[in-house]
Amino acid sequence: MKRVNIHDAKTNLSRYLSDLAPGEVLVLCNRNQPVAEIRSLRKKALPKPRIGAAKGEFMVPDSFFEPLPEEILKAFR
């Protein structure tokens, strides 16, 4: 549990919120007396995707790299 004075919290709130771990509590103090708590609502951190995890699962056809038909290009204009 971190304790922070209100003035310091106002100055660095975004930094304190980004450092808050899931389930952790930040206690706001006024002249070193606790007045409020801020709790993280985040669950566990999302796992980072593994690059190359689907290698060999599908093939991109050569037609994918060909130019689009004119009627589809006109729809985007």
PDB file of N, CA and C in Angstrom:
ATOM      1  N   MET A   1       0.851  -1.167   0.000  1.00  0.00           N
ATOM      2  CA  MET A   1       0.000   0.000   0.000  1.00  0.00           C
ATOM      3  C   MET A   1       0.904   1.239   0.000  1.00  0.00           C
ATOM      4  N   LYS A   2       0.699   2.105  -0.989  1.00  0.00           N
ATOM      5  CA  LYS A   2       1.477   3.335  -1.087  1.00  0.00           C
ATOM      6  C   LYS A   2       0.688   4.470  -0.457  1.00  0.00           C
ATOM      7  N   ARG A   3       1.387   5.360   0.227  1.00  0.00           N
ATOM      8  CA  ARG A   3       0.765   6.546   0.812  1.00  0.00           C
ATOM      9  C   ARG A   3       1.329   7.774   0.110  1.00  0.00           C
ATOM     10  N   VAL A   4       0.424   8.659  -0.332  1.00  0.00           N
ATOM     11  CA  VAL A   4       0.830   9.836  -1.096  1.00  0.00           C
ATOM     12  C   VAL A   4       0.033  11.027  -0.602  1.00  0.00           C
ATOM     13  N   ASN A   5       0.710  12.162  -0.417  1.00  0.00           N
ATOM     14  CA  ASN A   5      -0.005  13.377  -0.061  1.00  0.00           C
ATOM     15  C   ASN A   5      -0.765  13.907  -1.277  1.00  0.00           C
ATOM     16  N   ILE A   6      -1.872  14.586  -1.040  1.00  0.00           N
ATOM     17  CA  ILE A   6      -2.761  15.035  -2.104  1.00  0.00           C
ATOM     18  C   ILE A   6      -2.020  15.916  -3.112  1.00  0.00           C
ATOM     19  N   HIS A   7      -1.200  16.829  -2.645  1.00  0.00           N
ATOM     20  CA  HIS A   7      -0.479  17.722  -3.552  1.00  0.00           C
ATOM     21  C   HIS A   7       0.416  16.924  -4.495  1.00  0.00           C
ATOM     22  N   ASP A   8       1.130  15.949  -3.965  1.00  0.00           N
ATOM     23  CA  ASP A   8       1.997  15.110  -4.784  1.00  0.00           C
ATOM     24  C   ASP A   8       1.163  14.264  -5.743  1.00  0.00           C
ATOM     25  N   ALA A   9       0.020  13.779  -5.299  1.00  0.00           N
ATOM     26  CA  ALA A   9      -0.849  12.972  -6.161  1.00  0.00           C
ATOM     27  C   ALA A   9      -1.396  13.808  -7.316  1.00  0.00           C
ATOM     28  N   LYS A  10      -1.756  15.060  -7.066  1.00  0.00           N
ATOM     29  CA  LYS A  10      -2.260  15.920  -8.134  1.00  0.00           C
ATOM     30  C   LYS A  10      -1.174  16.159  -9.182  1.00  0.00           C
ATOM     31  N   THR A  11       0.044  16.291  -8.738  1.00  0.00           N
ATOM     32  CA  THR A  11       1.154  16.559  -9.647  1.00  0.00           C
ATOM     33  C   THR A  11       1.524  15.331 -10.475  1.00  0.00           C
ATOM     34  N   ASN A  12       1.492  14.146  -9.865  1.00  0.00           N
ATOM     35  CA  ASN A  12       1.997  12.929 -10.519  1.00  0.00           C
ATOM     36  C   ASN A  12       0.943  11.829 -10.628  1.00  0.00           C
ATOM     37  N   LEU A  13      -0.338  12.173 -10.732  1.00  0.00           N
ATOM     38  CA  LEU A  13      -1.393  11.168 -10.699  1.00  0.00           C
ATOM     39  C   LEU A  13      -1.250  10.130 -11.802  1.00  0.00           C
ATOM     40  N   SER A  14      -0.985  10.544 -13.023  1.00  0.00           N
ATOM     41  CA  SER A  14      -0.895   9.564 -14.117  1.00  0.00           C
ATOM     42  C   SER A  14       0.252   8.581 -13.880  1.00  0.00           C
ATOM     43  N   ARG A  15       1.347   9.045 -13.320  1.00  0.00           N
ATOM     44  CA  ARG A  15       2.471   8.137 -13.030  1.00  0.00           C
ATOM     45  C   ARG A  15       2.090   7.145 -11.945  1.00  0.00           C
ATOM     46  N   TYR A  16       1.413   7.618 -10.888  1.00  0.00           N
ATOM     47  CA  TYR A  16       0.989   6.719  -9.814  1.00  0.00           C
ATOM     48  C   TYR A  16      -0.015   5.693 -10.316  1.00  0.00           C
ATOM     49  N   LEU A  17      -0.933   6.098 -11.188  1.00  0.00           N
ATOM     50  CA  LEU A  17      -1.930   5.161 -11.706  1.00  0.00           C
ATOM     51  C   LEU A  17      -1.295   4.109 -12.602  1.00  0.00           C
ATOM     52  N   SER A  18      -0.324   4.497 -13.410  1.00  0.00           N
ATOM     53  CA  SER A  18       0.324   3.516 -14.281  1.00  0.00           C
ATOM     54  C   SER A  18       1.178   2.537 -13.479  1.00  0.00           C
ATOM     55  N   ASP A  19       1.685   2.948 -12.321  1.00  0.00           N
ATOM     56  CA  ASP A  19       2.504   2.066 -11.481  1.00  0.00           C
ATOM     57  C   ASP A  19       1.663   1.150 -10.601  1.00  0.00           C
ATOM     58  N   LEU A  20       0.353   1.413 -10.505  1.00  0.00           N
ATOM     59  CA  LEU A  20      -0.514   0.632  -9.628  1.00  0.00           C
ATOM     60  C   LEU A  20      -0.691  -0.779 -10.183  1.00  0.00           C
ATOM     61  N   ALA A  21      -0.352  -1.768  -9.397  1.00  0.00           N
ATOM     62  CA  ALA A  21      -0.517  -3.165  -9.803  1.00  0.00           C
ATOM     63  C   ALA A  21      -1.959  -3.597  -9.546  1.00  0.00           C
ATOM     64  N   PRO A  22      -2.423  -4.649 -10.230  1.00  0.00           N
ATOM     65  CA  PRO A  22      -3.788  -5.133  -9.980  1.00  0.00           C
ATOM     66  C   PRO A  22      -4.004  -5.475  -8.510  1.00  0.00           C
ATOM     67  N   GLY A  23      -5.059  -4.926  -7.923  1.00  0.00           N
ATOM     68  CA  GLY A  23      -5.379  -5.173  -6.518  1.00  0.00           C
ATOM     69  C   GLY A  23      -4.639  -4.273  -5.542  1.00  0.00           C
ATOM     70  N   GLU A  24      -3.703  -3.478  -6.007  1.00  0.00           N
ATOM     71  CA  GLU A  24      -2.935  -2.603  -5.126  1.00  0.00           C
ATOM     72  C   GLU A  24      -3.746  -1.358  -4.781  1.00  0.00           C
ATOM     73  N   VAL A  25      -3.444  -0.747  -3.633  1.00  0.00           N
ATOM     74  CA  VAL A  25      -4.174   0.411  -3.147  1.00  0.00           C
ATOM     75  C   VAL A  25      -3.220   1.591  -2.997  1.00  0.00           C
ATOM     76  N   LEU A  26      -3.681   2.765  -3.427  1.00  0.00           N
ATOM     77  CA  LEU A  26      -2.952   4.011  -3.243  1.00  0.00           C
ATOM     78  C   LEU A  26      -3.743   4.838  -2.236  1.00  0.00           C
ATOM     79  N   VAL A  27      -3.151   5.182  -1.105  1.00  0.00           N
ATOM     80  CA  VAL A  27      -3.828   5.939  -0.055  1.00  0.00           C
ATOM     81  C   VAL A  27      -3.468   7.411  -0.193  1.00  0.00           C
ATOM     82  N   LEU A  28      -4.495   8.251  -0.341  1.00  0.00           N
ATOM     83  CA  LEU A  28      -4.284   9.697  -0.414  1.00  0.00           C
ATOM     84  C   LEU A  28      -4.342  10.275   0.994  1.00  0.00           C
ATOM     85  N   CYS A  29      -3.365  11.118   1.311  1.00  0.00           N
ATOM     86  CA  CYS A  29      -3.283  11.700   2.651  1.00  0.00           C
ATOM     87  C   CYS A  29      -3.344  13.215   2.569  1.00  0.00           C
ATOM     88  N   ASN A  30      -3.945  13.808   3.581  1.00  0.00           N
ATOM     89  CA  ASN A  30      -3.956  15.253   3.746  1.00  0.00           C
ATOM     90  C   ASN A  30      -3.179  15.548   5.010  1.00  0.00           C
ATOM     91  N   ARG A  31      -2.003  16.135   4.837  1.00  0.00           N
ATOM     92  CA  ARG A  31      -1.090  16.384   5.952  1.00  0.00           C
ATOM     93  C   ARG A  31      -0.791  15.087   6.704  1.00  0.00           C
ATOM     94  N   ASN A  32      -0.459  14.058   5.929  1.00  0.00           N
ATOM     95  CA  ASN A  32      -0.084  12.735   6.427  1.00  0.00           C
ATOM     96  C   ASN A  32      -1.203  11.991   7.143  1.00  0.00           C
ATOM     97  N   GLN A  33      -2.454  12.434   7.001  1.00  0.00           N
ATOM     98  CA  GLN A  33      -3.606  11.725   7.545  1.00  0.00           C
ATOM     99  C   GLN A  33      -4.379  11.100   6.387  1.00  0.00           C
ATOM    100  N   PRO A  34      -4.592   9.790   6.381  1.00  0.00           N
ATOM    101  CA  PRO A  34      -5.305   9.142   5.280  1.00  0.00           C
ATOM    102  C   PRO A  34      -6.723   9.683   5.133  1.00  0.00           C
ATOM    103  N   VAL A  35      -7.105  10.021   3.882  1.00  0.00           N
ATOM    104  CA  VAL A  35      -8.454  10.531   3.634  1.00  0.00           C
ATOM    105  C   VAL A  35      -9.190   9.740   2.548  1.00  0.00           C
ATOM    106  N   ALA A  36      -8.467   9.053   1.683  1.00  0.00           N
ATOM    107  CA  ALA A  36      -9.123   8.320   0.600  1.00  0.00           C
ATOM    108  C   ALA A  36      -8.195   7.233   0.072  1.00  0.00           C
ATOM    109  N   GLU A  37      -8.817   6.273  -0.632  1.00  0.00           N
ATOM    110  CA  GLU A  37      -8.058   5.212  -1.269  1.00  0.00           C
ATOM    111  C   GLU A  37      -8.386   5.173  -2.752  1.00  0.00           C
ATOM    112  N   ILE A  38      -7.386   4.870  -3.554  1.00  0.00           N
ATOM    113  CA  ILE A  38      -7.577   4.631  -4.985  1.00  0.00           C
ATOM    114  C   ILE A  38      -7.143   3.195  -5.223  1.00  0.00           C
ATOM    115  N   ARG A  39      -8.046   2.402  -5.813  1.00  0.00           N
ATOM    116  CA  ARG A  39      -7.756   0.996  -6.084  1.00  0.00           C
ATOM    117  C   ARG A  39      -7.683   0.758  -7.579  1.00  0.00           C
ATOM    118  N   SER A  40      -6.825  -0.146  -7.957  1.00  0.00           N
ATOM    119  CA  SER A  40      -6.705  -0.518  -9.357  1.00  0.00           C
ATOM    120  C   SER A  40      -7.870  -1.431  -9.731  1.00  0.00           C
ATOM    121  N   LEU A  41      -8.526  -1.141 -10.853  1.00  0.00           N
ATOM    122  CA  LEU A  41      -9.617  -1.978 -11.340  1.00  0.00           C
ATOM    123  C   LEU A  41      -9.131  -2.988 -12.361  1.00  0.00           C
ATOM    124  N   ARG A  42      -7.877  -2.881 -12.749  1.00  0.00           N
ATOM    125  CA  ARG A  42      -7.318  -3.815 -13.722  1.00  0.00           C
ATOM    126  C   ARG A  42      -7.252  -5.212 -13.137  1.00  0.00           C
ATOM    127  N   LYS A  43      -7.501  -6.166 -13.978  1.00  0.00           N
ATOM    128  CA  LYS A  43      -7.309  -7.553 -13.581  1.00  0.00           C
ATOM    129  C   LYS A  43      -5.843  -7.871 -13.821  1.00  0.00           C
ATOM    130  N   LYS A  44      -5.537  -9.092 -14.086  1.00  0.00           N
ATOM    131  CA  LYS A  44      -4.150  -9.443 -14.386  1.00  0.00           C
ATOM    132  C   LYS A  44      -3.723  -8.782 -15.690  1.00  0.00           C
ATOM    133  N   ALA A  45      -2.450  -8.581 -15.824  1.00  0.00           N
ATOM    134  CA  ALA A  45      -1.928  -8.003 -17.067  1.00  0.00           C
ATOM    135  C   ALA A  45      -2.162  -8.975 -18.217  1.00  0.00           C
ATOM    136  N   LEU A  46      -2.512  -8.432 -19.366  1.00  0.00           N
ATOM    137  CA  LEU A  46      -2.747  -9.266 -20.536  1.00  0.00           C
ATOM    138  C   LEU A  46      -1.416  -9.827 -21.036  1.00  0.00           C
ATOM    139  N   PRO A  47      -1.407 -11.104 -21.403  1.00  0.00           N
ATOM    140  CA  PRO A  47      -0.151 -11.658 -21.909  1.00  0.00           C
ATOM    141  C   PRO A  47       0.185 -11.056 -23.273  1.00  0.00           C
ATOM    142  N   LYS A  48       1.455 -10.859 -23.503  1.00  0.00           N
ATOM    143  CA  LYS A  48       1.896 -10.317 -24.781  1.00  0.00           C
ATOM    144  C   LYS A  48       1.802 -11.418 -25.831  1.00  0.00           C
ATOM    145  N   PRO A  49       1.326 -11.063 -27.031  1.00  0.00           N
ATOM    146  CA  PRO A  49       1.229 -12.097 -28.066  1.00  0.00           C
ATOM    147  C   PRO A  49       2.615 -12.579 -28.486  1.00  0.00           C
ATOM    148  N   ARG A  50       2.692 -13.858 -28.762  1.00  0.00           N
ATOM    149  CA  ARG A  50       3.959 -14.420 -29.213  1.00  0.00           C
ATOM    150  C   ARG A  50       4.063 -14.242 -30.713  1.00  0.00           C
ATOM    151  N   ILE A  51       5.135 -13.648 -31.161  1.00  0.00           N
ATOM    152  CA  ILE A  51       5.350 -13.439 -32.587  1.00  0.00           C
ATOM    153  C   ILE A  51       5.694 -14.781 -33.216  1.00  0.00           C
ATOM    154  N   GLY A  52       4.989 -15.103 -34.297  1.00  0.00           N
ATOM    155  CA  GLY A  52       5.237 -16.344 -35.003  1.00  0.00           C
ATOM    156  C   GLY A  52       4.499 -17.534 -34.432  1.00  0.00           C
ATOM    157  N   ALA A  53       3.551 -17.324 -33.524  1.00  0.00           N
ATOM    158  CA  ALA A  53       2.839 -18.434 -32.898  1.00  0.00           C
ATOM    159  C   ALA A  53       1.979 -19.198 -33.900  1.00  0.00           C
ATOM    160  N   ALA A  54       1.511 -18.552 -34.968  1.00  0.00           N
ATOM    161  CA  ALA A  54       0.642 -19.205 -35.953  1.00  0.00           C
ATOM    162  C   ALA A  54       1.419 -19.602 -37.216  1.00  0.00           C
ATOM    163  N   LYS A  55       2.722 -19.648 -37.129  1.00  0.00           N
ATOM    164  CA  LYS A  55       3.534 -19.965 -38.302  1.00  0.00           C
ATOM    165  C   LYS A  55       3.145 -21.341 -38.841  1.00  0.00           C
ATOM    166  N   GLY A  56       2.879 -21.398 -40.161  1.00  0.00           N
ATOM    167  CA  GLY A  56       2.513 -22.646 -40.798  1.00  0.00           C
ATOM    168  C   GLY A  56       1.036 -23.003 -40.681  1.00  0.00           C
ATOM    169  N   GLU A  57       0.235 -22.193 -39.988  1.00  0.00           N
ATOM    170  CA  GLU A  57      -1.187 -22.478 -39.796  1.00  0.00           C
ATOM    171  C   GLU A  57      -2.018 -22.102 -41.016  1.00  0.00           C
ATOM    172  N   PHE A  58      -1.568 -21.123 -41.791  1.00  0.00           N
ATOM    173  CA  PHE A  58      -2.317 -20.704 -42.970  1.00  0.00           C
ATOM    174  C   PHE A  58      -1.346 -20.145 -43.992  1.00  0.00           C
ATOM    175  N   MET A  59      -1.817 -20.070 -45.222  1.00  0.00           N
ATOM    176  CA  MET A  59      -1.001 -19.543 -46.307  1.00  0.00           C
ATOM    177  C   MET A  59      -1.701 -18.335 -46.916  1.00  0.00           C
ATOM    178  N   VAL A  60      -0.951 -17.303 -47.225  1.00  0.00           N
ATOM    179  CA  VAL A  60      -1.497 -16.117 -47.895  1.00  0.00           C
ATOM    180  C   VAL A  60      -1.366 -16.357 -49.396  1.00  0.00           C
ATOM    181  N   PRO A  61      -2.498 -16.358 -50.117  1.00  0.00           N
ATOM    182  CA  PRO A  61      -2.415 -16.610 -51.558  1.00  0.00           C
ATOM    183  C   PRO A  61      -1.747 -15.446 -52.290  1.00  0.00           C
ATOM    184  N   ASP A  62      -1.167 -15.728 -53.433  1.00  0.00           N
ATOM    185  CA  ASP A  62      -0.499 -14.694 -54.228  1.00  0.00           C
ATOM    186  C   ASP A  62      -1.483 -13.622 -54.687  1.00  0.00           C
ATOM    187  N   SER A  63      -2.755 -13.977 -54.852  1.00  0.00           N
ATOM    188  CA  SER A  63      -3.762 -13.008 -55.292  1.00  0.00           C
ATOM    189  C   SER A  63      -3.984 -11.900 -54.256  1.00  0.00           C
ATOM    190  N   PHE A  64      -3.577 -12.119 -53.022  1.00  0.00           N
ATOM    191  CA  PHE A  64      -3.713 -11.115 -51.972  1.00  0.00           C
ATOM    192  C   PHE A  64      -2.933  -9.847 -52.316  1.00  0.00           C
ATOM    193  N   PHE A  65      -1.819 -10.006 -53.018  1.00  0.00           N
ATOM    194  CA  PHE A  65      -0.942  -8.881 -53.327  1.00  0.00           C
ATOM    195  C   PHE A  65      -1.255  -8.212 -54.661  1.00  0.00           C
ATOM    196  N   GLU A  66      -2.232  -8.737 -55.385  1.00  0.00           N
ATOM    197  CA  GLU A  66      -2.624  -8.138 -56.657  1.00  0.00           C
ATOM    198  C   GLU A  66      -3.481  -6.898 -56.409  1.00  0.00           C
ATOM    199  N   PRO A  67      -3.486  -5.940 -57.346  1.00  0.00           N
ATOM    200  CA  PRO A  67      -4.305  -4.733 -57.177  1.00  0.00           C
ATOM    201  C   PRO A  67      -5.791  -5.084 -57.095  1.00  0.00           C
ATOM    202  N   LEU A  68      -6.536  -4.260 -56.371  1.00  0.00           N
ATOM    203  CA  LEU A  68      -7.977  -4.469 -56.237  1.00  0.00           C
ATOM    204  C   LEU A  68      -8.693  -4.125 -57.536  1.00  0.00           C
ATOM    205  N   PRO A  69      -9.860  -4.741 -57.789  1.00  0.00           N
ATOM    206  CA  PRO A  69     -10.646  -4.386 -58.972  1.00  0.00           C
ATOM    207  C   PRO A  69     -11.092  -2.925 -58.915  1.00  0.00           C
ATOM    208  N   GLU A  70     -11.309  -2.350 -60.072  1.00  0.00           N
ATOM    209  CA  GLU A  70     -11.639  -0.924 -60.164  1.00  0.00           C
ATOM    210  C   GLU A  70     -12.918  -0.567 -59.411  1.00  0.00           C
ATOM    211  N   GLU A  71     -13.954  -1.429 -59.426  1.00  0.00           N
ATOM    212  CA  GLU A  71     -15.205  -1.093 -58.736  1.00  0.00           C
ATOM    213  C   GLU A  71     -15.016  -1.022 -57.209  1.00  0.00           C
ATOM    214  N   ILE A  72     -14.119  -1.810 -56.663  1.00  0.00           N
ATOM    215  CA  ILE A  72     -13.833  -1.732 -55.223  1.00  0.00           C
ATOM    216  C   ILE A  72     -13.044  -0.472 -54.913  1.00  0.00           C
ATOM    217  N   LEU A  73     -12.104  -0.109 -55.775  1.00  0.00           N
ATOM    218  CA  LEU A  73     -11.335   1.121 -55.550  1.00  0.00           C
ATOM    219  C   LEU A  73     -12.239   2.338 -55.607  1.00  0.00           C
ATOM    220  N   LYS A  74     -13.242   2.335 -56.508  1.00  0.00           N
ATOM    221  CA  LYS A  74     -14.179   3.463 -56.606  1.00  0.00           C
ATOM    222  C   LYS A  74     -15.008   3.604 -55.332  1.00  0.00           C
ATOM    223  N   ALA A  75     -15.317   2.495 -54.676  1.00  0.00           N
ATOM    224  CA  ALA A  75     -16.097   2.533 -53.430  1.00  0.00           C
ATOM    225  C   ALA A  75     -15.344   3.262 -52.311  1.00  0.00           C
ATOM    226  N   PHE A  76     -14.027   3.235 -52.363  1.00  0.00           N
ATOM    227  CA  PHE A  76     -13.234   3.899 -51.335  1.00  0.00           C
ATOM    228  C   PHE A  76     -13.047   5.390 -51.593  1.00  0.00           C
ATOM    229  N   ARG A  77     -13.364   5.825 -52.793  1.00  0.00           N
ATOM    230  CA  ARG A  77     -13.160   7.234 -53.131  1.00  0.00           C
ATOM    231  C   ARG A  77     -14.351   8.057 -52.793  1.00  0.00           C
TER     232      ARG A  77
END
